[in-house]
Amino acid sequence: MDNKIKIEILENGPMLVHGDLEVKSNAGNVEAPKKVTAFCRCGASQNKPFCDGKHRKIEFCG
């Protein structure tokens, strides 16, 4: 099994994490997304810490 994790920062978009991981919220809830997970960098997502595409609407630069 390949447990390698790759992190990719998209220009003007989210941070992509390639690989299997667990994301634990402050409330203790655990999500285990598979393959590719997009994390918000713009701060406008309504689904934090995950990206919901709002960076396009606010014309995020980063």
N, C-alpha and C. Protein backbone atom coordinates (compact mmCIF):
# COMPACT_ATOMS: atom_id res chain seq x y z
N MET A 1 0.83 -1.19 0.00
CA MET A 1 0.00 0.00 0.00
C MET A 1 0.88 1.25 0.00
N ASP A 2 0.53 2.20 -0.85
CA ASP A 2 1.29 3.44 -0.97
C ASP A 2 0.66 4.50 -0.07
N ASN A 3 1.35 4.88 1.02
CA ASN A 3 0.83 5.89 1.96
C ASN A 3 1.39 7.27 1.68
N LYS A 4 1.95 7.45 0.51
CA LYS A 4 2.57 8.71 0.15
C LYS A 4 1.52 9.82 0.03
N ILE A 5 1.81 10.97 0.62
CA ILE A 5 0.94 12.14 0.56
C ILE A 5 1.65 13.21 -0.28
N LYS A 6 0.90 13.83 -1.19
CA LYS A 6 1.44 14.91 -2.02
C LYS A 6 0.57 16.14 -1.79
N ILE A 7 1.19 17.29 -1.57
CA ILE A 7 0.47 18.54 -1.36
C ILE A 7 0.78 19.47 -2.54
N GLU A 8 -0.29 20.02 -3.10
CA GLU A 8 -0.17 20.89 -4.27
C GLU A 8 -0.96 22.18 -4.01
N ILE A 9 -0.31 23.32 -4.17
CA ILE A 9 -0.96 24.61 -4.01
C ILE A 9 -1.34 25.11 -5.40
N LEU A 10 -2.64 25.28 -5.63
CA LEU A 10 -3.10 25.77 -6.92
C LEU A 10 -3.10 27.29 -6.93
N GLU A 11 -2.57 27.87 -7.99
CA GLU A 11 -2.54 29.32 -8.12
C GLU A 11 -3.97 29.86 -8.09
N ASN A 12 -4.22 30.80 -7.20
CA ASN A 12 -5.53 31.44 -7.04
C ASN A 12 -6.63 30.44 -6.70
N GLY A 13 -6.25 29.33 -6.08
CA GLY A 13 -7.23 28.30 -5.74
C GLY A 13 -6.87 27.57 -4.46
N PRO A 14 -7.44 26.38 -4.30
CA PRO A 14 -7.26 25.64 -3.06
C PRO A 14 -5.91 24.93 -2.95
N MET A 15 -5.68 24.36 -1.79
CA MET A 15 -4.56 23.46 -1.57
C MET A 15 -5.10 22.05 -1.76
N LEU A 16 -4.49 21.29 -2.63
CA LEU A 16 -4.90 19.91 -2.87
C LEU A 16 -3.98 18.97 -2.12
N VAL A 17 -4.58 18.01 -1.42
CA VAL A 17 -3.81 16.97 -0.76
C VAL A 17 -4.18 15.65 -1.44
N HIS A 18 -3.18 15.04 -2.04
CA HIS A 18 -3.36 13.77 -2.75
C HIS A 18 -2.97 12.65 -1.79
N GLY A 19 -3.86 11.69 -1.60
CA GLY A 19 -3.58 10.55 -0.73
C GLY A 19 -4.67 10.39 0.31
N ASP A 20 -4.61 9.30 1.04
CA ASP A 20 -5.60 9.02 2.09
C ASP A 20 -5.22 9.76 3.37
N LEU A 21 -6.18 10.42 3.99
CA LEU A 21 -5.92 11.15 5.22
C LEU A 21 -7.18 11.20 6.07
N GLU A 22 -7.02 11.65 7.31
CA GLU A 22 -8.14 11.89 8.22
C GLU A 22 -8.12 13.36 8.60
N VAL A 23 -9.32 13.97 8.60
CA VAL A 23 -9.47 15.37 8.99
C VAL A 23 -10.37 15.39 10.22
N LYS A 24 -9.85 15.90 11.34
CA LYS A 24 -10.61 15.94 12.59
C LYS A 24 -11.00 17.38 12.90
N SER A 25 -12.31 17.61 13.11
CA SER A 25 -12.80 18.96 13.41
C SER A 25 -12.60 19.28 14.89
N ASN A 26 -12.82 20.54 15.26
CA ASN A 26 -12.74 20.95 16.66
C ASN A 26 -13.75 20.20 17.52
N ALA A 27 -14.87 19.81 16.91
CA ALA A 27 -15.92 19.07 17.63
C ALA A 27 -15.59 17.59 17.78
N GLY A 28 -14.48 17.16 17.17
CA GLY A 28 -14.06 15.77 17.28
C GLY A 28 -14.56 14.88 16.16
N ASN A 29 -15.29 15.44 15.21
CA ASN A 29 -15.76 14.65 14.07
C ASN A 29 -14.59 14.35 13.15
N VAL A 30 -14.56 13.12 12.63
CA VAL A 30 -13.47 12.72 11.75
C VAL A 30 -14.03 12.38 10.38
N GLU A 31 -13.43 12.96 9.35
CA GLU A 31 -13.76 12.62 7.98
C GLU A 31 -12.51 12.00 7.37
N ALA A 32 -12.71 11.02 6.51
CA ALA A 32 -11.58 10.35 5.88
C ALA A 32 -11.73 10.41 4.36
N PRO A 33 -11.48 11.59 3.78
CA PRO A 33 -11.58 11.70 2.33
C PRO A 33 -10.51 10.84 1.67
N LYS A 34 -10.80 10.35 0.49
CA LYS A 34 -9.85 9.51 -0.25
C LYS A 34 -9.36 10.22 -1.50
N LYS A 35 -8.22 9.83 -1.96
CA LYS A 35 -7.59 10.27 -3.21
C LYS A 35 -7.17 11.73 -3.20
N VAL A 36 -8.09 12.69 -3.46
CA VAL A 36 -7.71 14.11 -3.50
C VAL A 36 -8.68 14.92 -2.65
N THR A 37 -8.14 15.75 -1.77
CA THR A 37 -8.95 16.62 -0.92
C THR A 37 -8.53 18.05 -1.18
N ALA A 38 -9.52 18.93 -1.41
CA ALA A 38 -9.24 20.35 -1.66
C ALA A 38 -9.55 21.15 -0.40
N PHE A 39 -8.54 21.82 0.12
CA PHE A 39 -8.69 22.66 1.31
C PHE A 39 -8.74 24.13 0.92
N CYS A 40 -9.64 24.88 1.56
CA CYS A 40 -9.82 26.31 1.29
C CYS A 40 -8.57 27.10 1.68
N ARG A 41 -8.18 28.03 0.81
CA ARG A 41 -7.12 28.98 1.12
C ARG A 41 -7.63 30.40 1.12
N CYS A 42 -8.82 30.63 0.53
CA CYS A 42 -9.31 32.00 0.38
C CYS A 42 -10.09 32.49 1.59
N GLY A 43 -10.60 31.58 2.42
CA GLY A 43 -11.35 31.96 3.60
C GLY A 43 -12.85 32.15 3.37
N ALA A 44 -13.32 32.02 2.13
CA ALA A 44 -14.72 32.28 1.81
C ALA A 44 -15.59 31.02 1.75
N SER A 45 -14.99 29.85 1.85
CA SER A 45 -15.76 28.60 1.74
C SER A 45 -16.81 28.49 2.84
N GLN A 46 -17.97 28.00 2.49
CA GLN A 46 -19.02 27.73 3.46
C GLN A 46 -18.90 26.30 3.98
N ASN A 47 -17.87 25.58 3.56
CA ASN A 47 -17.65 24.18 3.94
C ASN A 47 -16.24 23.98 4.49
N LYS A 48 -15.74 24.96 5.24
CA LYS A 48 -14.37 24.90 5.78
C LYS A 48 -14.18 23.65 6.62
N PRO A 49 -13.04 23.03 6.56
CA PRO A 49 -11.81 23.47 5.94
C PRO A 49 -11.72 23.15 4.45
N PHE A 50 -12.80 22.59 3.89
CA PHE A 50 -12.77 22.16 2.50
C PHE A 50 -13.15 23.30 1.56
N CYS A 51 -12.65 23.23 0.34
CA CYS A 51 -12.95 24.22 -0.69
C CYS A 51 -14.33 23.95 -1.28
N ASP A 52 -15.10 25.01 -1.50
CA ASP A 52 -16.40 24.87 -2.17
C ASP A 52 -16.45 25.68 -3.47
N GLY A 53 -15.30 26.17 -3.92
CA GLY A 53 -15.22 26.90 -5.18
C GLY A 53 -15.45 28.40 -5.07
N LYS A 54 -15.66 28.92 -3.87
CA LYS A 54 -15.93 30.35 -3.70
C LYS A 54 -14.76 31.23 -4.15
N HIS A 55 -13.55 30.68 -4.18
CA HIS A 55 -12.39 31.46 -4.60
C HIS A 55 -12.60 32.06 -5.99
N ARG A 56 -13.37 31.37 -6.83
CA ARG A 56 -13.64 31.91 -8.16
C ARG A 56 -14.53 33.14 -8.09
N LYS A 57 -15.57 33.09 -7.24
CA LYS A 57 -16.52 34.21 -7.13
C LYS A 57 -15.88 35.46 -6.54
N ILE A 58 -14.97 35.27 -5.58
CA ILE A 58 -14.34 36.43 -4.94
C ILE A 58 -13.04 36.84 -5.62
N GLU A 59 -12.70 36.13 -6.70
CA GLU A 59 -11.47 36.40 -7.46
C GLU A 59 -10.24 36.38 -6.56
N PHE A 60 -10.12 35.31 -5.77
CA PHE A 60 -9.00 35.11 -4.86
C PHE A 60 -7.68 35.11 -5.63
N CYS A 61 -6.70 35.81 -5.10
CA CYS A 61 -5.35 35.79 -5.65
C CYS A 61 -4.42 35.29 -4.56
N GLY A 62 -3.73 34.23 -4.87
CA GLY A 62 -2.81 33.70 -3.88
C GLY A 62 -2.05 32.51 -4.35
